[in-house]
Each structure stands twice: as structure tokens, then as C-alpha cells.
């Protein structure tokens, strides 16, 4: 199961039921260089040269969240998620 690159809806086939974006079944792939954060994003049978323009990291809370007596955030079963903004070269 994958998500639509335009709206994020879960795909069930070759066309997004929410926004109508069509996919030819080739999938979405990304190949990035370790040195300079540039790479090639492939989807819909096309390739795009891109670079990482911005990255955000935030915790998604799990079952228990709170603060320790000294005020530090304490998360049990939390997960660190990253959001990347790709910019076409």
C-alpha cells in the first residue's frame, strides 16, 4: 500500500480516489547521494532531479507522554518522524 504524492491519500489501484492522480504502476523511488543531499525522484514514468530543501523532525506521541520532575519531556512508545521538502533542480 502506498500513498498519493499529491494529497497523501492511500492508493487502492492506479488512480487516487481522492484527487484523481493517475499512476502507471511503476512505483515511486528515490535515490540520493550521501554527500550533497541531491538525488533523483522517479514516479509516473518520469525522473526528476531534486535536492532536500528542508527537513523537519518531530515526535509522534505513543501510549504515554508527560514530563519528568525536572521538566524534561518523557515519551514512552513515541516515534521520531521526519518530513522532507524536495525541490526540483
PDB file of N, CA and C in Angstrom:
ATOM      1  N   UNK A   1       0.844  -1.179   0.000  1.00  0.00           N
ATOM      2  CA  UNK A   1       0.000   0.000   0.000  1.00  0.00           C
ATOM      3  C   UNK A   1       0.888   1.240   0.000  1.00  0.00           C
ATOM      4  N   UNK A   2       0.613   2.188  -0.898  1.00  0.00           N
ATOM      5  CA  UNK A   2       1.373   3.427  -0.956  1.00  0.00           C
ATOM      6  C   UNK A   2       0.419   4.609  -0.883  1.00  0.00           C
ATOM      7  N   UNK A   3       0.976   5.785  -0.774  1.00  0.00           N
ATOM      8  CA  UNK A   3       0.164   6.993  -0.682  1.00  0.00           C
ATOM      9  C   UNK A   3       0.362   7.867  -1.907  1.00  0.00           C
ATOM     10  N   UNK A   4      -0.643   8.657  -2.221  1.00  0.00           N
ATOM     11  CA  UNK A   4      -0.604   9.599  -3.330  1.00  0.00           C
ATOM     12  C   UNK A   4       0.415  10.686  -3.023  1.00  0.00           C
ATOM     13  N   UNK A   5       1.241  11.032  -4.026  1.00  0.00           N
ATOM     14  CA  UNK A   5       2.257  12.067  -3.807  1.00  0.00           C
ATOM     15  C   UNK A   5       1.645  13.457  -3.748  1.00  0.00           C
ATOM     16  N   UNK A   6       0.425  13.643  -4.239  1.00  0.00           N
ATOM     17  CA  UNK A   6      -0.209  14.965  -4.243  1.00  0.00           C
ATOM     18  C   UNK A   6      -1.014  15.248  -2.984  1.00  0.00           C
ATOM     19  N   UNK A   7      -1.831  14.283  -2.550  1.00  0.00           N
ATOM     20  CA  UNK A   7      -2.720  14.564  -1.419  1.00  0.00           C
ATOM     21  C   UNK A   7      -2.474  13.675  -0.205  1.00  0.00           C
ATOM     22  N   UNK A   8      -1.691  12.602  -0.367  1.00  0.00           N
ATOM     23  CA  UNK A   8      -1.378  11.729   0.756  1.00  0.00           C
ATOM     24  C   UNK A   8      -2.377  10.624   1.015  1.00  0.00           C
ATOM     25  N   UNK A   9      -3.452  10.551   0.232  1.00  0.00           N
ATOM     26  CA  UNK A   9      -4.460   9.504   0.423  1.00  0.00           C
ATOM     27  C   UNK A   9      -3.872   8.137   0.096  1.00  0.00           C
ATOM     28  N   UNK A  10      -4.375   7.098   0.736  1.00  0.00           N
ATOM     29  CA  UNK A  10      -3.921   5.736   0.477  1.00  0.00           C
ATOM     30  C   UNK A  10      -4.404   5.319  -0.912  1.00  0.00           C
ATOM     31  N   UNK A  11      -3.498   4.740  -1.700  1.00  0.00           N
ATOM     32  CA  UNK A  11      -3.843   4.310  -3.059  1.00  0.00           C
ATOM     33  C   UNK A  11      -4.364   2.885  -3.050  1.00  0.00           C
ATOM     34  N   UNK A  12      -5.444   2.663  -3.772  1.00  0.00           N
ATOM     35  CA  UNK A  12      -6.015   1.333  -3.971  1.00  0.00           C
ATOM     36  C   UNK A  12      -6.137   1.113  -5.471  1.00  0.00           C
ATOM     37  N   UNK A  13      -5.006   0.919  -6.144  1.00  0.00           N
ATOM     38  CA  UNK A  13      -5.025   0.760  -7.596  1.00  0.00           C
ATOM     39  C   UNK A  13      -4.141   1.804  -8.254  1.00  0.00           C
ATOM     40  N   UNK A  14      -4.459   2.130  -9.525  1.00  0.00           N
ATOM     41  CA  UNK A  14      -3.617   3.038 -10.301  1.00  0.00           C
ATOM     42  C   UNK A  14      -4.112   4.474 -10.323  1.00  0.00           C
ATOM     43  N   UNK A  15      -5.198   4.781  -9.609  1.00  0.00           N
ATOM     44  CA  UNK A  15      -5.735   6.141  -9.598  1.00  0.00           C
ATOM     45  C   UNK A  15      -6.143   6.506  -8.174  1.00  0.00           C
ATOM     46  N   UNK A  16      -5.754   7.716  -7.752  1.00  0.00           N
ATOM     47  CA  UNK A  16      -6.116   8.190  -6.418  1.00  0.00           C
ATOM     48  C   UNK A  16      -7.615   8.462  -6.383  1.00  0.00           C
ATOM     49  N   UNK A  17      -8.295   7.862  -5.432  1.00  0.00           N
ATOM     50  CA  UNK A  17      -9.747   8.041  -5.319  1.00  0.00           C
ATOM     51  C   UNK A  17     -10.112   9.435  -4.827  1.00  0.00           C
ATOM     52  N   UNK A  18      -9.151  10.127  -4.176  1.00  0.00           N
ATOM     53  CA  UNK A  18      -9.445  11.432  -3.605  1.00  0.00           C
ATOM     54  C   UNK A  18      -9.210  12.570  -4.591  1.00  0.00           C
ATOM     55  N   UNK A  19      -7.990  12.638  -5.184  1.00  0.00           N
ATOM     56  CA  UNK A  19      -7.673  13.775  -6.064  1.00  0.00           C
ATOM     57  C   UNK A  19      -7.625  13.412  -7.542  1.00  0.00           C
ATOM     58  N   UNK A  20      -7.650  12.118  -7.885  1.00  0.00           N
ATOM     59  CA  UNK A  20      -7.698  11.706  -9.286  1.00  0.00           C
ATOM     60  C   UNK A  20      -6.348  11.532  -9.960  1.00  0.00           C
ATOM     61  N   UNK A  21      -5.232  11.678  -9.238  1.00  0.00           N
ATOM     62  CA  UNK A  21      -3.914  11.491  -9.835  1.00  0.00           C
ATOM     63  C   UNK A  21      -3.775  10.046 -10.294  1.00  0.00           C
ATOM     64  N   UNK A  22      -3.312   9.860 -11.539  1.00  0.00           N
ATOM     65  CA  UNK A  22      -3.152   8.518 -12.084  1.00  0.00           C
ATOM     66  C   UNK A  22      -1.706   8.065 -11.980  1.00  0.00           C
ATOM     67  N   UNK A  23      -1.507   6.779 -11.678  1.00  0.00           N
ATOM     68  CA  UNK A  23      -0.192   6.176 -11.571  1.00  0.00           C
ATOM     69  C   UNK A  23      -0.137   4.991 -12.515  1.00  0.00           C
ATOM     70  N   UNK A  24       1.022   4.780 -13.151  1.00  0.00           N
ATOM     71  CA  UNK A  24       1.138   3.690 -14.103  1.00  0.00           C
ATOM     72  C   UNK A  24       1.670   2.409 -13.484  1.00  0.00           C
ATOM     73  N   UNK A  25       1.761   2.344 -12.191  1.00  0.00           N
ATOM     74  CA  UNK A  25       2.164   1.123 -11.514  1.00  0.00           C
ATOM     75  C   UNK A  25       3.663   0.921 -11.402  1.00  0.00           C
ATOM     76  N   UNK A  26       4.463   1.875 -11.865  1.00  0.00           N
ATOM     77  CA  UNK A  26       5.906   1.710 -11.768  1.00  0.00           C
ATOM     78  C   UNK A  26       6.423   1.998 -10.376  1.00  0.00           C
ATOM     79  N   UNK A  27       5.617   2.604  -9.538  1.00  0.00           N
ATOM     80  CA  UNK A  27       6.029   2.894  -8.171  1.00  0.00           C
ATOM     81  C   UNK A  27       6.778   4.202  -8.060  1.00  0.00           C
ATOM     82  N   UNK A  28       7.127   4.523  -6.850  1.00  0.00           N
ATOM     83  CA  UNK A  28       7.864   5.747  -6.560  1.00  0.00           C
ATOM     84  C   UNK A  28       9.188   5.338  -5.947  1.00  0.00           C
ATOM     85  N   UNK A  29      10.284   5.855  -6.515  1.00  0.00           N
ATOM     86  CA  UNK A  29      11.599   5.551  -5.986  1.00  0.00           C
ATOM     87  C   UNK A  29      12.401   6.841  -5.849  1.00  0.00           C
ATOM     88  N   UNK A  30      13.343   6.823  -4.945  1.00  0.00           N
ATOM     89  CA  UNK A  30      14.236   7.965  -4.758  1.00  0.00           C
ATOM     90  C   UNK A  30      15.630   7.425  -4.495  1.00  0.00           C
ATOM     91  N   UNK A  31      16.609   8.039  -5.124  1.00  0.00           N
ATOM     92  CA  UNK A  31      17.999   7.649  -4.949  1.00  0.00           C
ATOM     93  C   UNK A  31      18.800   8.912  -4.680  1.00  0.00           C
ATOM     94  N   UNK A  32      19.373   9.016  -3.471  1.00  0.00           N
ATOM     95  CA  UNK A  32      20.071  10.229  -3.052  1.00  0.00           C
ATOM     96  C   UNK A  32      21.541   9.970  -2.790  1.00  0.00           C
ATOM     97  N   UNK A  33      22.345  10.993  -3.062  1.00  0.00           N
ATOM     98  CA  UNK A  33      23.772  10.967  -2.771  1.00  0.00           C
ATOM     99  C   UNK A  33      23.973  11.254  -1.289  1.00  0.00           C
ATOM    100  N   UNK A  34      24.906  10.567  -0.664  1.00  0.00           N
ATOM    101  CA  UNK A  34      25.178  10.780   0.757  1.00  0.00           C
ATOM    102  C   UNK A  34      25.911  12.091   1.013  1.00  0.00           C
ATOM    103  N   UNK A  35      26.646  12.586   0.021  1.00  0.00           N
ATOM    104  CA  UNK A  35      27.489  13.756   0.229  1.00  0.00           C
ATOM    105  C   UNK A  35      26.743  15.084   0.178  1.00  0.00           C
ATOM    106  N   UNK A  36      25.854  15.272  -0.801  1.00  0.00           N
ATOM    107  CA  UNK A  36      25.308  16.614  -1.028  1.00  0.00           C
ATOM    108  C   UNK A  36      23.779  16.719  -1.015  1.00  0.00           C
ATOM    109  N   UNK A  37      23.080  15.702  -0.556  1.00  0.00           N
ATOM    110  CA  UNK A  37      21.612  15.734  -0.416  1.00  0.00           C
ATOM    111  C   UNK A  37      20.885  15.974  -1.741  1.00  0.00           C
ATOM    112  N   UNK A  38      21.476  15.583  -2.862  1.00  0.00           N
ATOM    113  CA  UNK A  38      20.792  15.653  -4.147  1.00  0.00           C
ATOM    114  C   UNK A  38      20.472  14.244  -4.595  1.00  0.00           C
ATOM    115  N   UNK A  39      19.499  14.140  -5.487  1.00  0.00           N
ATOM    116  CA  UNK A  39      19.138  12.815  -5.954  1.00  0.00           C
ATOM    117  C   UNK A  39      18.156  12.851  -7.092  1.00  0.00           C
ATOM    118  N   UNK A  40      17.640  11.671  -7.413  1.00  0.00           N
ATOM    119  CA  UNK A  40      16.665  11.507  -8.485  1.00  0.00           C
ATOM    120  C   UNK A  40      15.406  10.893  -7.891  1.00  0.00           C
ATOM    121  N   UNK A  41      14.271  11.555  -8.106  1.00  0.00           N
ATOM    122  CA  UNK A  41      12.968  11.070  -7.679  1.00  0.00           C
ATOM    123  C   UNK A  41      12.250  10.573  -8.926  1.00  0.00           C
ATOM    124  N   UNK A  42      11.793   9.320  -8.897  1.00  0.00           N
ATOM    125  CA  UNK A  42      11.114   8.726 -10.052  1.00  0.00           C
ATOM    126  C   UNK A  42       9.698   8.334  -9.671  1.00  0.00           C
ATOM    127  N   UNK A  43       8.729   8.817 -10.432  1.00  0.00           N
ATOM    128  CA  UNK A  43       7.355   8.339 -10.303  1.00  0.00           C
ATOM    129  C   UNK A  43       6.587   8.697 -11.558  1.00  0.00           C
ATOM    130  N   UNK A  44       5.574   7.899 -11.848  1.00  0.00           N
ATOM    131  CA  UNK A  44       4.759   8.130 -13.034  1.00  0.00           C
ATOM    132  C   UNK A  44       5.540   8.002 -14.324  1.00  0.00           C
ATOM    133  N   UNK A  45       6.630   7.208 -14.327  1.00  0.00           N
ATOM    134  CA  UNK A  45       7.429   7.032 -15.524  1.00  0.00           C
ATOM    135  C   UNK A  45       8.357   8.197 -15.837  1.00  0.00           C
ATOM    136  N   UNK A  46       8.459   9.174 -14.958  1.00  0.00           N
ATOM    137  CA  UNK A  46       9.326  10.331 -15.167  1.00  0.00           C
ATOM    138  C   UNK A  46      10.344  10.422 -14.041  1.00  0.00           C
ATOM    139  N   UNK A  47      11.498  11.022 -14.360  1.00  0.00           N
ATOM    140  CA  UNK A  47      12.532  11.235 -13.357  1.00  0.00           C
ATOM    141  C   UNK A  47      12.748  12.723 -13.137  1.00  0.00           C
ATOM    142  N   UNK A  48      12.954  13.096 -11.885  1.00  0.00           N
ATOM    143  CA  UNK A  48      13.154  14.492 -11.514  1.00  0.00           C
ATOM    144  C   UNK A  48      14.433  14.605 -10.695  1.00  0.00           C
ATOM    145  N   UNK A  49      15.320  15.527 -11.086  1.00  0.00           N
ATOM    146  CA  UNK A  49      16.494  15.836 -10.279  1.00  0.00           C
ATOM    147  C   UNK A  49      16.043  16.755  -9.157  1.00  0.00           C
ATOM    148  N   UNK A  50      16.303  16.358  -7.916  1.00  0.00           N
ATOM    149  CA  UNK A  50      15.818  17.117  -6.762  1.00  0.00           C
ATOM    150  C   UNK A  50      16.915  17.251  -5.712  1.00  0.00           C
ATOM    151  N   UNK A  51      16.708  18.181  -4.797  1.00  0.00           N
ATOM    152  CA  UNK A  51      17.552  18.273  -3.611  1.00  0.00           C
ATOM    153  C   UNK A  51      16.650  18.488  -2.397  1.00  0.00           C
ATOM    154  N   UNK A  52      17.178  18.161  -1.227  1.00  0.00           N
ATOM    155  CA  UNK A  52      16.420  18.320   0.006  1.00  0.00           C
ATOM    156  C   UNK A  52      16.506  19.778   0.415  1.00  0.00           C
ATOM    157  N   UNK A  53      15.377  20.489   0.316  1.00  0.00           N
ATOM    158  CA  UNK A  53      15.346  21.897   0.638  1.00  0.00           C
ATOM    159  C   UNK A  53      15.107  22.176   2.104  1.00  0.00           C
ATOM    160  N   UNK A  54      14.413  21.256   2.782  1.00  0.00           N
ATOM    161  CA  UNK A  54      14.080  21.480   4.193  1.00  0.00           C
ATOM    162  C   UNK A  54      13.741  20.141   4.815  1.00  0.00           C
ATOM    163  N   UNK A  55      14.085  19.969   6.085  1.00  0.00           N
ATOM    164  CA  UNK A  55      13.741  18.754   6.807  1.00  0.00           C
ATOM    165  C   UNK A  55      13.271  19.127   8.197  1.00  0.00           C
ATOM    166  N   UNK A  56      12.161  18.556   8.621  1.00  0.00           N
ATOM    167  CA  UNK A  56      11.635  18.764   9.966  1.00  0.00           C
ATOM    168  C   UNK A  56      11.583  17.416  10.672  1.00  0.00           C
ATOM    169  N   UNK A  57      11.825  17.411  11.956  1.00  0.00           N
ATOM    170  CA  UNK A  57      11.715  16.199  12.758  1.00  0.00           C
ATOM    171  C   UNK A  57      10.823  16.501  13.952  1.00  0.00           C
ATOM    172  N   UNK A  58       9.896  15.596  14.223  1.00  0.00           N
ATOM    173  CA  UNK A  58       9.031  15.773  15.386  1.00  0.00           C
ATOM    174  C   UNK A  58       8.628  14.413  15.929  1.00  0.00           C
ATOM    175  N   UNK A  59       8.364  14.394  17.219  1.00  0.00           N
ATOM    176  CA  UNK A  59       7.917  13.162  17.856  1.00  0.00           C
ATOM    177  C   UNK A  59       6.421  12.986  17.670  1.00  0.00           C
ATOM    178  N   UNK A  60       6.034  11.765  17.338  1.00  0.00           N
ATOM    179  CA  UNK A  60       4.633  11.380  17.312  1.00  0.00           C
ATOM    180  C   UNK A  60       4.416  10.602  18.594  1.00  0.00           C
ATOM    181  N   UNK A  61       3.518  11.082  19.413  1.00  0.00           N
ATOM    182  CA  UNK A  61       3.337  10.531  20.756  1.00  0.00           C
ATOM    183  C   UNK A  61       2.772   9.124  20.718  1.00  0.00           C
ATOM    184  N   UNK A  62       3.213   8.356  21.660  1.00  0.00           N
ATOM    185  CA  UNK A  62       2.746   6.986  21.793  1.00  0.00           C
ATOM    186  C   UNK A  62       1.737   6.871  22.910  1.00  0.00           C
ATOM    187  N   UNK A  63       1.829   5.787  23.625  1.00  0.00           N
ATOM    188  CA  UNK A  63       0.851   5.485  24.664  1.00  0.00           C
ATOM    189  C   UNK A  63       0.936   6.428  25.865  1.00  0.00           C
ATOM    190  N   UNK A  64       2.126   6.785  26.271  1.00  0.00           N
ATOM    191  CA  UNK A  64       2.292   7.618  27.465  1.00  0.00           C
ATOM    192  C   UNK A  64       3.180   8.812  27.154  1.00  0.00           C
ATOM    193  N   UNK A  65       2.752   9.972  27.576  1.00  0.00           N
ATOM    194  CA  UNK A  65       3.563  11.176  27.410  1.00  0.00           C
ATOM    195  C   UNK A  65       3.418  12.019  28.673  1.00  0.00           C
ATOM    196  N   UNK A  66       4.480  12.681  29.041  1.00  0.00           N
ATOM    197  CA  UNK A  66       4.431  13.518  30.230  1.00  0.00           C
ATOM    198  C   UNK A  66       5.773  14.176  30.461  1.00  0.00           C
ATOM    199  N   UNK A  67       5.935  14.747  31.630  1.00  0.00           N
ATOM    200  CA  UNK A  67       7.178  15.430  31.987  1.00  0.00           C
ATOM    201  C   UNK A  67       7.761  14.790  33.235  1.00  0.00           C
ATOM    202  N   UNK A  68       9.068  14.754  33.284  1.00  0.00           N
ATOM    203  CA  UNK A  68       9.752  14.252  34.467  1.00  0.00           C
ATOM    204  C   UNK A  68       9.725  15.352  35.528  1.00  0.00           C
ATOM    205  N   UNK A  69      10.073  15.039  36.779  1.00  0.00           N
ATOM    206  CA  UNK A  69      10.062  16.069  37.823  1.00  0.00           C
ATOM    207  C   UNK A  69      10.942  17.279  37.511  1.00  0.00           C
ATOM    208  N   UNK A  70      11.995  17.099  36.701  1.00  0.00           N
ATOM    209  CA  UNK A  70      12.843  18.245  36.357  1.00  0.00           C
ATOM    210  C   UNK A  70      12.377  18.955  35.085  1.00  0.00           C
ATOM    211  N   UNK A  71      11.209  18.576  34.542  1.00  0.00           N
ATOM    212  CA  UNK A  71      10.614  19.296  33.423  1.00  0.00           C
ATOM    213  C   UNK A  71      10.937  18.767  32.039  1.00  0.00           C
ATOM    214  N   UNK A  72      11.701  17.692  31.918  1.00  0.00           N
ATOM    215  CA  UNK A  72      12.037  17.140  30.610  1.00  0.00           C
ATOM    216  C   UNK A  72      10.864  16.324  30.054  1.00  0.00           C
ATOM    217  N   UNK A  73      10.689  16.425  28.748  1.00  0.00           N
ATOM    218  CA  UNK A  73       9.623  15.669  28.087  1.00  0.00           C
ATOM    219  C   UNK A  73       9.968  14.188  28.107  1.00  0.00           C
ATOM    220  N   UNK A  74       9.001  13.365  28.498  1.00  0.00           N
ATOM    221  CA  UNK A  74       9.193  11.918  28.591  1.00  0.00           C
ATOM    222  C   UNK A  74       8.128  11.244  27.736  1.00  0.00           C
ATOM    223  N   UNK A  75       8.569  10.451  26.749  1.00  0.00           N
ATOM    224  CA  UNK A  75       7.640   9.756  25.859  1.00  0.00           C
ATOM    225  C   UNK A  75       7.942   8.265  25.906  1.00  0.00           C
ATOM    226  N   UNK A  76       6.907   7.470  26.125  1.00  0.00           N
ATOM    227  CA  UNK A  76       7.033   6.021  26.075  1.00  0.00           C
ATOM    228  C   UNK A  76       6.334   5.562  24.804  1.00  0.00           C
ATOM    229  N   UNK A  77       7.010   4.783  24.014  1.00  0.00           N
ATOM    230  CA  UNK A  77       6.496   4.275  22.736  1.00  0.00           C
ATOM    231  C   UNK A  77       6.260   5.397  21.734  1.00  0.00           C
ATOM    232  N   UNK A  78       6.996   6.481  21.858  1.00  0.00           N
ATOM    233  CA  UNK A  78       6.916   7.554  20.870  1.00  0.00           C
ATOM    234  C   UNK A  78       7.824   7.242  19.683  1.00  0.00           C
ATOM    235  N   UNK A  79       7.647   7.980  18.605  1.00  0.00           N
ATOM    236  CA  UNK A  79       8.426   7.762  17.408  1.00  0.00           C
ATOM    237  C   UNK A  79       8.859   9.092  16.829  1.00  0.00           C
ATOM    238  N   UNK A  80      10.088   9.180  16.367  1.00  0.00           N
ATOM    239  CA  UNK A  80      10.577  10.370  15.702  1.00  0.00           C
ATOM    240  C   UNK A  80      10.266  10.241  14.215  1.00  0.00           C
ATOM    241  N   UNK A  81       9.502  11.177  13.664  1.00  0.00           N
ATOM    242  CA  UNK A  81       9.126  11.181  12.251  1.00  0.00           C
ATOM    243  C   UNK A  81       9.779  12.364  11.566  1.00  0.00           C
ATOM    244  N   UNK A  82      10.155  12.180  10.306  1.00  0.00           N
ATOM    245  CA  UNK A  82      10.804  13.224   9.529  1.00  0.00           C
ATOM    246  C   UNK A  82       9.934  13.615   8.342  1.00  0.00           C
ATOM    247  N   UNK A  83       9.931  14.900   8.031  1.00  0.00           N
ATOM    248  CA  UNK A  83       9.212  15.424   6.880  1.00  0.00           C
ATOM    249  C   UNK A  83      10.238  16.133   5.998  1.00  0.00           C
ATOM    250  N   UNK A  84      10.343  15.694   4.745  1.00  0.00           N
ATOM    251  CA  UNK A  84      11.317  16.251   3.813  1.00  0.00           C
ATOM    252  C   UNK A  84      10.606  17.055   2.749  1.00  0.00           C
ATOM    253  N   UNK A  85      11.158  18.217   2.407  1.00  0.00           N
ATOM    254  CA  UNK A  85      10.684  19.024   1.288  1.00  0.00           C
ATOM    255  C   UNK A  85      11.710  18.892   0.180  1.00  0.00           C
ATOM    256  N   UNK A  86      11.262  18.346  -0.969  1.00  0.00           N
ATOM    257  CA  UNK A  86      12.157  18.173  -2.103  1.00  0.00           C
ATOM    258  C   UNK A  86      11.912  19.303  -3.105  1.00  0.00           C
ATOM    259  N   UNK A  87      12.985  19.825  -3.652  1.00  0.00           N
ATOM    260  CA  UNK A  87      12.893  20.916  -4.624  1.00  0.00           C
ATOM    261  C   UNK A  87      13.537  20.448  -5.920  1.00  0.00           C
ATOM    262  N   UNK A  88      12.816  20.621  -7.018  1.00  0.00           N
ATOM    263  CA  UNK A  88      13.329  20.209  -8.322  1.00  0.00           C
ATOM    264  C   UNK A  88      14.452  21.150  -8.770  1.00  0.00           C
ATOM    265  N   UNK A  89      15.527  20.561  -9.315  1.00  0.00           N
ATOM    266  CA  UNK A  89      16.670  21.338  -9.781  1.00  0.00           C
ATOM    267  C   UNK A  89      16.375  21.862 -11.171  1.00  0.00           C
TER     268      UNK A  89
END
